[in-house]
């Protein structure tokens, strides 16, 4: 899968989700996708609205590093984020509470 395909899939996935639970404020997340189709994109939730762009976000609250294959599997719910994290297939850097906030909004446990 190319980075463009991964990014489009993520944009479609996140555009279907509600971020009203976040409330007011700005929450930024960077995804560092490794392996086939590697690249960086960010998700910014501002006052409940989501923006996804194929760029890095220098001041992200939280950065996730994951292979495109494992990211796809997490989104398809064939790989639990907790399993990916505990086995080293998903790395989380920065504000871990921000990672939990995103997981809650996506109805996933981290």
PDB file of N, CA and C in Angstrom:
ATOM      1  N   UNK A   1       0.848  -1.170   0.000  1.00  0.00           N
ATOM      2  CA  UNK A   1       0.000   0.000   0.000  1.00  0.00           C
ATOM      3  C   UNK A   1       0.898   1.238   0.000  1.00  0.00           C
ATOM      4  N   UNK A   2       0.600   2.191  -0.845  1.00  0.00           N
ATOM      5  CA  UNK A   2       1.386   3.418  -0.890  1.00  0.00           C
ATOM      6  C   UNK A   2       0.984   4.340   0.257  1.00  0.00           C
ATOM      7  N   UNK A   3       1.812   5.364   0.518  1.00  0.00           N
ATOM      8  CA  UNK A   3       1.465   6.318   1.557  1.00  0.00           C
ATOM      9  C   UNK A   3       0.170   7.042   1.196  1.00  0.00           C
ATOM     10  N   UNK A   4       0.000   7.394  -0.050  1.00  0.00           N
ATOM     11  CA  UNK A   4      -1.225   8.079  -0.477  1.00  0.00           C
ATOM     12  C   UNK A   4      -2.457   7.229  -0.179  1.00  0.00           C
ATOM     13  N   UNK A   5      -2.380   5.932  -0.434  1.00  0.00           N
ATOM     14  CA  UNK A   5      -3.499   5.032  -0.137  1.00  0.00           C
ATOM     15  C   UNK A   5      -3.745   4.946   1.371  1.00  0.00           C
ATOM     16  N   UNK A   6      -2.667   4.859   2.145  1.00  0.00           N
ATOM     17  CA  UNK A   6      -2.801   4.807   3.602  1.00  0.00           C
ATOM     18  C   UNK A   6      -3.429   6.098   4.116  1.00  0.00           C
ATOM     19  N   UNK A   7      -2.950   7.241   3.613  1.00  0.00           N
ATOM     20  CA  UNK A   7      -3.472   8.529   4.054  1.00  0.00           C
ATOM     21  C   UNK A   7      -4.952   8.672   3.700  1.00  0.00           C
ATOM     22  N   UNK A   8      -5.318   8.302   2.476  1.00  0.00           N
ATOM     23  CA  UNK A   8      -6.730   8.399   2.075  1.00  0.00           C
ATOM     24  C   UNK A   8      -7.613   7.505   2.936  1.00  0.00           C
ATOM     25  N   UNK A   9      -7.132   6.315   3.266  1.00  0.00           N
ATOM     26  CA  UNK A   9      -7.897   5.402   4.121  1.00  0.00           C
ATOM     27  C   UNK A   9      -8.068   5.997   5.518  1.00  0.00           C
ATOM     28  N   UNK A  10      -7.018   6.602   6.044  1.00  0.00           N
ATOM     29  CA  UNK A  10      -7.101   7.224   7.368  1.00  0.00           C
ATOM     30  C   UNK A  10      -8.049   8.415   7.347  1.00  0.00           C
ATOM     31  N   UNK A  11      -7.970   9.219   6.309  1.00  0.00           N
ATOM     32  CA  UNK A  11      -8.844  10.385   6.210  1.00  0.00           C
ATOM     33  C   UNK A  11     -10.308   9.938   6.167  1.00  0.00           C
ATOM     34  N   UNK A  12     -10.577   8.900   5.406  1.00  0.00           N
ATOM     35  CA  UNK A  12     -11.945   8.369   5.319  1.00  0.00           C
ATOM     36  C   UNK A  12     -12.385   7.816   6.676  1.00  0.00           C
ATOM     37  N   UNK A  13     -11.511   7.074   7.323  1.00  0.00           N
ATOM     38  CA  UNK A  13     -11.828   6.474   8.621  1.00  0.00           C
ATOM     39  C   UNK A  13     -12.151   7.559   9.646  1.00  0.00           C
ATOM     40  N   UNK A  14     -11.286   8.556   9.773  1.00  0.00           N
ATOM     41  CA  UNK A  14     -11.477   9.590  10.786  1.00  0.00           C
ATOM     42  C   UNK A  14     -12.628  10.531  10.458  1.00  0.00           C
ATOM     43  N   UNK A  15     -12.934  10.716   9.186  1.00  0.00           N
ATOM     44  CA  UNK A  15     -14.038  11.617   8.831  1.00  0.00           C
ATOM     45  C   UNK A  15     -15.389  11.038   9.247  1.00  0.00           C
ATOM     46  N   UNK A  16     -15.445   9.737   9.485  1.00  0.00           N
ATOM     47  CA  UNK A  16     -16.692   9.087   9.907  1.00  0.00           C
ATOM     48  C   UNK A  16     -16.866   9.090  11.422  1.00  0.00           C
ATOM     49  N   UNK A  17     -15.875   9.555  12.153  1.00  0.00           N
ATOM     50  CA  UNK A  17     -15.903   9.520  13.611  1.00  0.00           C
ATOM     51  C   UNK A  17     -16.328  10.868  14.184  1.00  0.00           C
ATOM     52  N   UNK A  18     -16.924  10.825  15.359  1.00  0.00           N
ATOM     53  CA  UNK A  18     -17.320  12.041  16.062  1.00  0.00           C
ATOM     54  C   UNK A  18     -16.259  12.381  17.106  1.00  0.00           C
ATOM     55  N   UNK A  19     -15.887  13.633  17.151  1.00  0.00           N
ATOM     56  CA  UNK A  19     -14.907  14.099  18.119  1.00  0.00           C
ATOM     57  C   UNK A  19     -15.512  15.110  19.084  1.00  0.00           C
ATOM     58  N   UNK A  20     -16.813  15.054  19.253  1.00  0.00           N
ATOM     59  CA  UNK A  20     -17.513  15.965  20.162  1.00  0.00           C
ATOM     60  C   UNK A  20     -17.061  15.754  21.610  1.00  0.00           C
ATOM     61  N   UNK A  21     -16.659  14.518  21.950  1.00  0.00           N
ATOM     62  CA  UNK A  21     -16.207  14.203  23.311  1.00  0.00           C
ATOM     63  C   UNK A  21     -14.979  15.016  23.719  1.00  0.00           C
ATOM     64  N   UNK A  22     -14.222  15.490  22.736  1.00  0.00           N
ATOM     65  CA  UNK A  22     -13.001  16.221  23.032  1.00  0.00           C
ATOM     66  C   UNK A  22     -13.280  17.565  23.694  1.00  0.00           C
ATOM     67  N   UNK A  23     -14.421  18.164  23.377  1.00  0.00           N
ATOM     68  CA  UNK A  23     -14.728  19.478  23.930  1.00  0.00           C
ATOM     69  C   UNK A  23     -13.910  20.562  23.263  1.00  0.00           C
ATOM     70  N   UNK A  24     -13.764  21.677  23.964  1.00  0.00           N
ATOM     71  CA  UNK A  24     -13.023  22.813  23.419  1.00  0.00           C
ATOM     72  C   UNK A  24     -11.525  22.590  23.525  1.00  0.00           C
ATOM     73  N   UNK A  25     -10.806  23.233  22.639  1.00  0.00           N
ATOM     74  CA  UNK A  25      -9.351  23.145  22.663  1.00  0.00           C
ATOM     75  C   UNK A  25      -8.808  22.492  21.411  1.00  0.00           C
ATOM     76  N   UNK A  26      -7.493  22.430  21.351  1.00  0.00           N
ATOM     77  CA  UNK A  26      -6.800  21.849  20.204  1.00  0.00           C
ATOM     78  C   UNK A  26      -6.014  20.635  20.675  1.00  0.00           C
ATOM     79  N   UNK A  27      -6.205  19.523  19.988  1.00  0.00           N
ATOM     80  CA  UNK A  27      -5.518  18.274  20.283  1.00  0.00           C
ATOM     81  C   UNK A  27      -4.872  17.791  18.992  1.00  0.00           C
ATOM     82  N   UNK A  28      -3.570  17.591  19.011  1.00  0.00           N
ATOM     83  CA  UNK A  28      -2.846  17.248  17.785  1.00  0.00           C
ATOM     84  C   UNK A  28      -2.125  15.916  17.937  1.00  0.00           C
ATOM     85  N   UNK A  29      -2.185  15.137  16.880  1.00  0.00           N
ATOM     86  CA  UNK A  29      -1.588  13.810  16.862  1.00  0.00           C
ATOM     87  C   UNK A  29      -0.814  13.636  15.569  1.00  0.00           C
ATOM     88  N   UNK A  30       0.375  13.075  15.680  1.00  0.00           N
ATOM     89  CA  UNK A  30       1.156  12.778  14.490  1.00  0.00           C
ATOM     90  C   UNK A  30       1.258  11.262  14.351  1.00  0.00           C
ATOM     91  N   UNK A  31       1.126  10.788  13.130  1.00  0.00           N
ATOM     92  CA  UNK A  31       1.281   9.372  12.827  1.00  0.00           C
ATOM     93  C   UNK A  31       2.502   9.222  11.927  1.00  0.00           C
ATOM     94  N   UNK A  32       3.485   8.503  12.419  1.00  0.00           N
ATOM     95  CA  UNK A  32       4.703   8.208  11.676  1.00  0.00           C
ATOM     96  C   UNK A  32       4.553   6.776  11.180  1.00  0.00           C
ATOM     97  N   UNK A  33       4.173   6.655   9.913  1.00  0.00           N
ATOM     98  CA  UNK A  33       3.904   5.343   9.317  1.00  0.00           C
ATOM     99  C   UNK A  33       5.210   4.812   8.726  1.00  0.00           C
ATOM    100  N   UNK A  34       5.569   3.599   9.115  1.00  0.00           N
ATOM    101  CA  UNK A  34       6.821   2.999   8.660  1.00  0.00           C
ATOM    102  C   UNK A  34       6.533   1.840   7.707  1.00  0.00           C
ATOM    103  N   UNK A  35       7.597   1.348   7.089  1.00  0.00           N
ATOM    104  CA  UNK A  35       7.461   0.207   6.190  1.00  0.00           C
ATOM    105  C   UNK A  35       6.944   0.624   4.831  1.00  0.00           C
ATOM    106  N   UNK A  36       6.267  -0.289   4.184  1.00  0.00           N
ATOM    107  CA  UNK A  36       5.722  -0.018   2.857  1.00  0.00           C
ATOM    108  C   UNK A  36       4.772   1.181   2.925  1.00  0.00           C
ATOM    109  N   UNK A  37       4.978   2.135   2.061  1.00  0.00           N
ATOM    110  CA  UNK A  37       4.122   3.315   2.039  1.00  0.00           C
ATOM    111  C   UNK A  37       4.374   4.254   3.198  1.00  0.00           C
ATOM    112  N   UNK A  38       5.632   4.317   3.656  1.00  0.00           N
ATOM    113  CA  UNK A  38       5.934   5.145   4.819  1.00  0.00           C
ATOM    114  C   UNK A  38       5.687   6.621   4.556  1.00  0.00           C
ATOM    115  N   UNK A  39       5.414   7.346   5.631  1.00  0.00           N
ATOM    116  CA  UNK A  39       5.179   8.776   5.561  1.00  0.00           C
ATOM    117  C   UNK A  39       4.627   9.278   6.877  1.00  0.00           C
ATOM    118  N   UNK A  40       4.374  10.572   6.928  1.00  0.00           N
ATOM    119  CA  UNK A  40       3.875  11.200   8.154  1.00  0.00           C
ATOM    120  C   UNK A  40       2.605  11.973   7.844  1.00  0.00           C
ATOM    121  N   UNK A  41       1.632  11.862   8.726  1.00  0.00           N
ATOM    122  CA  UNK A  41       0.448  12.708   8.630  1.00  0.00           C
ATOM    123  C   UNK A  41       0.016  13.086  10.031  1.00  0.00           C
ATOM    124  N   UNK A  42      -0.814  14.111  10.114  1.00  0.00           N
ATOM    125  CA  UNK A  42      -1.295  14.519  11.424  1.00  0.00           C
ATOM    126  C   UNK A  42      -2.803  14.654  11.438  1.00  0.00           C
ATOM    127  N   UNK A  43      -3.314  14.551  12.637  1.00  0.00           N
ATOM    128  CA  UNK A  43      -4.735  14.740  12.905  1.00  0.00           C
ATOM    129  C   UNK A  43      -4.825  15.828  13.965  1.00  0.00           C
ATOM    130  N   UNK A  44      -5.605  16.834  13.671  1.00  0.00           N
ATOM    131  CA  UNK A  44      -5.820  17.894  14.644  1.00  0.00           C
ATOM    132  C   UNK A  44      -7.314  17.967  14.931  1.00  0.00           C
ATOM    133  N   UNK A  45      -7.645  17.895  16.213  1.00  0.00           N
ATOM    134  CA  UNK A  45      -9.029  18.045  16.644  1.00  0.00           C
ATOM    135  C   UNK A  45      -9.118  19.400  17.324  1.00  0.00           C
ATOM    136  N   UNK A  46      -9.930  20.267  16.743  1.00  0.00           N
ATOM    137  CA  UNK A  46     -10.074  21.623  17.290  1.00  0.00           C
ATOM    138  C   UNK A  46     -11.548  21.885  17.527  1.00  0.00           C
ATOM    139  N   UNK A  47     -11.890  22.050  18.803  1.00  0.00           N
ATOM    140  CA  UNK A  47     -13.279  22.314  19.195  1.00  0.00           C
ATOM    141  C   UNK A  47     -14.245  21.288  18.593  1.00  0.00           C
ATOM    142  N   UNK A  48     -13.825  20.025  18.563  1.00  0.00           N
ATOM    143  CA  UNK A  48     -14.674  18.937  18.095  1.00  0.00           C
ATOM    144  C   UNK A  48     -14.636  18.667  16.600  1.00  0.00           C
ATOM    145  N   UNK A  49     -13.949  19.516  15.826  1.00  0.00           N
ATOM    146  CA  UNK A  49     -13.825  19.301  14.375  1.00  0.00           C
ATOM    147  C   UNK A  49     -12.450  18.701  14.085  1.00  0.00           C
ATOM    148  N   UNK A  50     -12.394  17.805  13.112  1.00  0.00           N
ATOM    149  CA  UNK A  50     -11.134  17.118  12.815  1.00  0.00           C
ATOM    150  C   UNK A  50     -10.563  17.595  11.471  1.00  0.00           C
ATOM    151  N   UNK A  51      -9.245  17.742  11.440  1.00  0.00           N
ATOM    152  CA  UNK A  51      -8.509  18.101  10.226  1.00  0.00           C
ATOM    153  C   UNK A  51      -7.370  17.102  10.090  1.00  0.00           C
ATOM    154  N   UNK A  52      -7.231  16.516   8.917  1.00  0.00           N
ATOM    155  CA  UNK A  52      -6.191  15.518   8.680  1.00  0.00           C
ATOM    156  C   UNK A  52      -5.370  15.982   7.478  1.00  0.00           C
ATOM    157  N   UNK A  53      -4.064  16.062   7.650  1.00  0.00           N
ATOM    158  CA  UNK A  53      -3.188  16.547   6.590  1.00  0.00           C
ATOM    159  C   UNK A  53      -1.953  15.655   6.476  1.00  0.00           C
ATOM    160  N   UNK A  54      -1.416  15.512   5.247  1.00  0.00           N
ATOM    161  CA  UNK A  54      -0.245  14.651   5.040  1.00  0.00           C
ATOM    162  C   UNK A  54       1.078  15.377   5.296  1.00  0.00           C
ATOM    163  N   UNK A  55       1.209  15.932   6.484  1.00  0.00           N
ATOM    164  CA  UNK A  55       2.425  16.653   6.868  1.00  0.00           C
ATOM    165  C   UNK A  55       2.775  16.291   8.302  1.00  0.00           C
ATOM    166  N   UNK A  56       3.994  16.665   8.735  1.00  0.00           N
ATOM    167  CA  UNK A  56       4.324  16.474  10.146  1.00  0.00           C
ATOM    168  C   UNK A  56       3.770  17.643  10.950  1.00  0.00           C
ATOM    169  N   UNK A  57       3.628  17.429  12.228  1.00  0.00           N
ATOM    170  CA  UNK A  57       3.069  18.418  13.138  1.00  0.00           C
ATOM    171  C   UNK A  57       4.094  18.595  14.241  1.00  0.00           C
ATOM    172  N   UNK A  58       4.860  19.635  14.163  1.00  0.00           N
ATOM    173  CA  UNK A  58       6.019  19.830  15.047  1.00  0.00           C
ATOM    174  C   UNK A  58       5.677  19.794  16.534  1.00  0.00           C
ATOM    175  N   UNK A  59       4.514  20.270  16.918  1.00  0.00           N
ATOM    176  CA  UNK A  59       4.169  20.353  18.333  1.00  0.00           C
ATOM    177  C   UNK A  59       3.028  19.410  18.704  1.00  0.00           C
ATOM    178  N   UNK A  60       3.009  18.239  18.118  1.00  0.00           N
ATOM    179  CA  UNK A  60       1.953  17.272  18.408  1.00  0.00           C
ATOM    180  C   UNK A  60       1.981  16.887  19.886  1.00  0.00           C
ATOM    181  N   UNK A  61       0.807  16.730  20.460  1.00  0.00           N
ATOM    182  CA  UNK A  61       0.719  16.261  21.841  1.00  0.00           C
ATOM    183  C   UNK A  61       1.234  14.832  21.957  1.00  0.00           C
ATOM    184  N   UNK A  62       1.004  14.073  20.893  1.00  0.00           N
ATOM    185  CA  UNK A  62       1.308  12.650  20.927  1.00  0.00           C
ATOM    186  C   UNK A  62       1.679  12.188  19.517  1.00  0.00           C
ATOM    187  N   UNK A  63       2.675  11.339  19.429  1.00  0.00           N
ATOM    188  CA  UNK A  63       3.086  10.759  18.151  1.00  0.00           C
ATOM    189  C   UNK A  63       2.981   9.252  18.243  1.00  0.00           C
ATOM    190  N   UNK A  64       2.385   8.665  17.204  1.00  0.00           N
ATOM    191  CA  UNK A  64       2.277   7.216  17.087  1.00  0.00           C
ATOM    192  C   UNK A  64       3.213   6.765  15.970  1.00  0.00           C
ATOM    193  N   UNK A  65       4.037   5.761  16.234  1.00  0.00           N
ATOM    194  CA  UNK A  65       4.879   5.172  15.190  1.00  0.00           C
ATOM    195  C   UNK A  65       4.410   3.736  15.001  1.00  0.00           C
ATOM    196  N   UNK A  66       3.999   3.428  13.764  1.00  0.00           N
ATOM    197  CA  UNK A  66       3.416   2.121  13.475  1.00  0.00           C
ATOM    198  C   UNK A  66       3.602   1.816  11.988  1.00  0.00           C
ATOM    199  N   UNK A  67       3.721   0.552  11.642  1.00  0.00           N
ATOM    200  CA  UNK A  67       3.817   0.185  10.227  1.00  0.00           C
ATOM    201  C   UNK A  67       2.448   0.337   9.569  1.00  0.00           C
ATOM    202  N   UNK A  68       2.452   0.529   8.273  1.00  0.00           N
ATOM    203  CA  UNK A  68       1.177   0.683   7.562  1.00  0.00           C
ATOM    204  C   UNK A  68       0.322  -0.569   7.707  1.00  0.00           C
ATOM    205  N   UNK A  69       0.945  -1.735   7.715  1.00  0.00           N
ATOM    206  CA  UNK A  69       0.195  -2.980   7.872  1.00  0.00           C
ATOM    207  C   UNK A  69      -0.462  -3.059   9.248  1.00  0.00           C
ATOM    208  N   UNK A  70       0.285  -2.744  10.296  1.00  0.00           N
ATOM    209  CA  UNK A  70      -0.293  -2.795  11.647  1.00  0.00           C
ATOM    210  C   UNK A  70      -1.333  -1.708  11.851  1.00  0.00           C
ATOM    211  N   UNK A  71      -1.135  -0.543  11.256  1.00  0.00           N
ATOM    212  CA  UNK A  71      -2.137   0.509  11.343  1.00  0.00           C
ATOM    213  C   UNK A  71      -3.441   0.058  10.698  1.00  0.00           C
ATOM    214  N   UNK A  72      -3.332  -0.552   9.534  1.00  0.00           N
ATOM    215  CA  UNK A  72      -4.525  -1.082   8.854  1.00  0.00           C
ATOM    216  C   UNK A  72      -5.215  -2.119   9.720  1.00  0.00           C
ATOM    217  N   UNK A  73      -4.443  -3.012  10.312  1.00  0.00           N
ATOM    218  CA  UNK A  73      -5.011  -4.062  11.156  1.00  0.00           C
ATOM    219  C   UNK A  73      -5.684  -3.488  12.404  1.00  0.00           C
ATOM    220  N   UNK A  74      -5.112  -2.443  12.982  1.00  0.00           N
ATOM    221  CA  UNK A  74      -5.732  -1.794  14.146  1.00  0.00           C
ATOM    222  C   UNK A  74      -7.066  -1.185  13.748  1.00  0.00           C
ATOM    223  N   UNK A  75      -7.096  -0.491  12.620  1.00  0.00           N
ATOM    224  CA  UNK A  75      -8.338   0.151  12.179  1.00  0.00           C
ATOM    225  C   UNK A  75      -9.409  -0.862  11.789  1.00  0.00           C
ATOM    226  N   UNK A  76      -8.969  -2.002  11.266  1.00  0.00           N
ATOM    227  CA  UNK A  76      -9.918  -3.072  10.922  1.00  0.00           C
ATOM    228  C   UNK A  76     -10.312  -3.884  12.145  1.00  0.00           C
ATOM    229  N   UNK A  77      -9.689  -3.594  13.271  1.00  0.00           N
ATOM    230  CA  UNK A  77      -9.945  -4.259  14.548  1.00  0.00           C
ATOM    231  C   UNK A  77      -9.551  -5.740  14.548  1.00  0.00           C
ATOM    232  N   UNK A  78      -8.531  -6.064  13.731  1.00  0.00           N
ATOM    233  CA  UNK A  78      -7.972  -7.417  13.783  1.00  0.00           C
ATOM    234  C   UNK A  78      -6.710  -7.451  14.638  1.00  0.00           C
ATOM    235  N   UNK A  79      -6.260  -6.269  15.073  1.00  0.00           N
ATOM    236  CA  UNK A  79      -5.146  -6.143  16.002  1.00  0.00           C
ATOM    237  C   UNK A  79      -5.542  -5.105  17.042  1.00  0.00           C
ATOM    238  N   UNK A  80      -5.559  -5.509  18.287  1.00  0.00           N
ATOM    239  CA  UNK A  80      -5.911  -4.587  19.374  1.00  0.00           C
ATOM    240  C   UNK A  80      -4.756  -3.618  19.605  1.00  0.00           C
ATOM    241  N   UNK A  81      -5.063  -2.332  19.803  1.00  0.00           N
ATOM    242  CA  UNK A  81      -3.989  -1.366  20.075  1.00  0.00           C
ATOM    243  C   UNK A  81      -3.127  -1.762  21.281  1.00  0.00           C
ATOM    244  N   UNK A  82      -3.742  -2.339  22.316  1.00  0.00           N
ATOM    245  CA  UNK A  82      -2.965  -2.759  23.485  1.00  0.00           C
ATOM    246  C   UNK A  82      -1.973  -3.864  23.126  1.00  0.00           C
ATOM    247  N   UNK A  83      -2.407  -4.793  22.282  1.00  0.00           N
ATOM    248  CA  UNK A  83      -1.513  -5.865  21.844  1.00  0.00           C
ATOM    249  C   UNK A  83      -0.388  -5.293  20.987  1.00  0.00           C
ATOM    250  N   UNK A  84      -0.735  -4.379  20.076  1.00  0.00           N
ATOM    251  CA  UNK A  84       0.279  -3.750  19.221  1.00  0.00           C
ATOM    252  C   UNK A  84       1.292  -2.988  20.067  1.00  0.00           C
ATOM    253  N   UNK A  85       0.816  -2.265  21.079  1.00  0.00           N
ATOM    254  CA  UNK A  85       1.699  -1.487  21.946  1.00  0.00           C
ATOM    255  C   UNK A  85       2.596  -2.401  22.787  1.00  0.00           C
ATOM    256  N   UNK A  86       1.998  -3.402  23.413  1.00  0.00           N
ATOM    257  CA  UNK A  86       2.779  -4.273  24.311  1.00  0.00           C
ATOM    258  C   UNK A  86       3.780  -5.139  23.557  1.00  0.00           C
ATOM    259  N   UNK A  87       3.524  -5.387  22.274  1.00  0.00           N
ATOM    260  CA  UNK A  87       4.454  -6.199  21.482  1.00  0.00           C
ATOM    261  C   UNK A  87       5.456  -5.353  20.706  1.00  0.00           C
ATOM    262  N   UNK A  88       5.393  -4.028  20.871  1.00  0.00           N
ATOM    263  CA  UNK A  88       6.344  -3.151  20.195  1.00  0.00           C
ATOM    264  C   UNK A  88       5.982  -2.798  18.769  1.00  0.00           C
ATOM    265  N   UNK A  89       4.797  -3.186  18.325  1.00  0.00           N
ATOM    266  CA  UNK A  89       4.387  -2.872  16.950  1.00  0.00           C
ATOM    267  C   UNK A  89       3.759  -1.487  16.836  1.00  0.00           C
ATOM    268  N   UNK A  90       3.453  -0.873  17.978  1.00  0.00           N
ATOM    269  CA  UNK A  90       2.931   0.488  18.051  1.00  0.00           C
ATOM    270  C   UNK A  90       3.698   1.209  19.145  1.00  0.00           C
ATOM    271  N   UNK A  91       4.345   2.308  18.787  1.00  0.00           N
ATOM    272  CA  UNK A  91       5.067   3.107  19.776  1.00  0.00           C
ATOM    273  C   UNK A  91       4.303   4.414  19.980  1.00  0.00           C
ATOM    274  N   UNK A  92       4.249   4.871  21.225  1.00  0.00           N
ATOM    275  CA  UNK A  92       3.552   6.111  21.572  1.00  0.00           C
ATOM    276  C   UNK A  92       4.562   7.027  22.252  1.00  0.00           C
ATOM    277  N   UNK A  93       4.704   8.245  21.723  1.00  0.00           N
ATOM    278  CA  UNK A  93       5.630   9.234  22.273  1.00  0.00           C
ATOM    279  C   UNK A  93       4.847  10.486  22.655  1.00  0.00           C
ATOM    280  N   UNK A  94       5.217  11.092  23.762  1.00  0.00           N
ATOM    281  CA  UNK A  94       4.567  12.332  24.167  1.00  0.00           C
ATOM    282  C   UNK A  94       3.528  12.098  25.246  1.00  0.00           C
ATOM    283  N   UNK A  95       2.447  12.850  25.173  1.00  0.00           N
ATOM    284  CA  UNK A  95       1.388  12.848  26.178  1.00  0.00           C
ATOM    285  C   UNK A  95       0.510  11.602  26.031  1.00  0.00           C
ATOM    286  N   UNK A  96       0.748  10.626  26.881  1.00  0.00           N
ATOM    287  CA  UNK A  96       0.004   9.369  26.802  1.00  0.00           C
ATOM    288  C   UNK A  96      -1.480   9.590  27.096  1.00  0.00           C
ATOM    289  N   UNK A  97      -1.806  10.552  27.960  1.00  0.00           N
ATOM    290  CA  UNK A  97      -3.228  10.821  28.227  1.00  0.00           C
ATOM    291  C   UNK A  97      -3.933  11.305  26.962  1.00  0.00           C
ATOM    292  N   UNK A  98      -3.219  12.004  26.077  1.00  0.00           N
ATOM    293  CA  UNK A  98      -3.799  12.425  24.794  1.00  0.00           C
ATOM    294  C   UNK A  98      -4.063  11.204  23.915  1.00  0.00           C
ATOM    295  N   UNK A  99      -3.184  10.208  23.991  1.00  0.00           N
ATOM    296  CA  UNK A  99      -3.394   8.967  23.233  1.00  0.00           C
ATOM    297  C   UNK A  99      -4.652   8.262  23.723  1.00  0.00           C
ATOM    298  N   UNK A 100      -4.849   8.227  25.047  1.00  0.00           N
ATOM    299  CA  UNK A 100      -6.054   7.608  25.598  1.00  0.00           C
ATOM    300  C   UNK A 100      -7.308   8.369  25.167  1.00  0.00           C
ATOM    301  N   UNK A 101      -7.224   9.689  25.093  1.00  0.00           N
ATOM    302  CA  UNK A 101      -8.362  10.499  24.669  1.00  0.00           C
ATOM    303  C   UNK A 101      -8.752  10.142  23.233  1.00  0.00           C
ATOM    304  N   UNK A 102      -7.768   9.979  22.365  1.00  0.00           N
ATOM    305  CA  UNK A 102      -8.053   9.604  20.976  1.00  0.00           C
ATOM    306  C   UNK A 102      -8.634   8.199  20.921  1.00  0.00           C
ATOM    307  N   UNK A 103      -8.065   7.269  21.673  1.00  0.00           N
ATOM    308  CA  UNK A 103      -8.562   5.893  21.704  1.00  0.00           C
ATOM    309  C   UNK A 103     -10.013   5.858  22.167  1.00  0.00           C
ATOM    310  N   UNK A 104     -10.332   6.646  23.183  1.00  0.00           N
ATOM    311  CA  UNK A 104     -11.724   6.712  23.670  1.00  0.00           C
ATOM    312  C   UNK A 104     -12.662   7.241  22.589  1.00  0.00           C
ATOM    313  N   UNK A 105     -12.243   8.271  21.876  1.00  0.00           N
ATOM    314  CA  UNK A 105     -13.085   8.842  20.820  1.00  0.00           C
ATOM    315  C   UNK A 105     -13.332   7.831  19.697  1.00  0.00           C
ATOM    316  N   UNK A 106     -12.368   6.936  19.484  1.00  0.00           N
ATOM    317  CA  UNK A 106     -12.508   5.920  18.437  1.00  0.00           C
ATOM    318  C   UNK A 106     -13.084   4.618  18.951  1.00  0.00           C
ATOM    319  N   UNK A 107     -13.498   4.615  20.223  1.00  0.00           N
ATOM    320  CA  UNK A 107     -14.030   3.420  20.869  1.00  0.00           C
ATOM    321  C   UNK A 107     -13.059   2.261  20.812  1.00  0.00           C
ATOM    322  N   UNK A 108     -11.775   2.580  21.051  1.00  0.00           N
ATOM    323  CA  UNK A 108     -10.725   1.570  21.119  1.00  0.00           C
ATOM    324  C   UNK A 108     -10.050   1.703  22.468  1.00  0.00           C
ATOM    325  N   UNK A 109      -9.556   0.612  22.987  1.00  0.00           N
ATOM    326  CA  UNK A 109      -8.790   0.707  24.231  1.00  0.00           C
ATOM    327  C   UNK A 109      -7.324   0.706  23.879  1.00  0.00           C
ATOM    328  N   UNK A 110      -6.579   1.476  24.621  1.00  0.00           N
ATOM    329  CA  UNK A 110      -5.135   1.565  24.375  1.00  0.00           C
ATOM    330  C   UNK A 110      -4.388   0.890  25.507  1.00  0.00           C
TER     331      UNK A 110
END
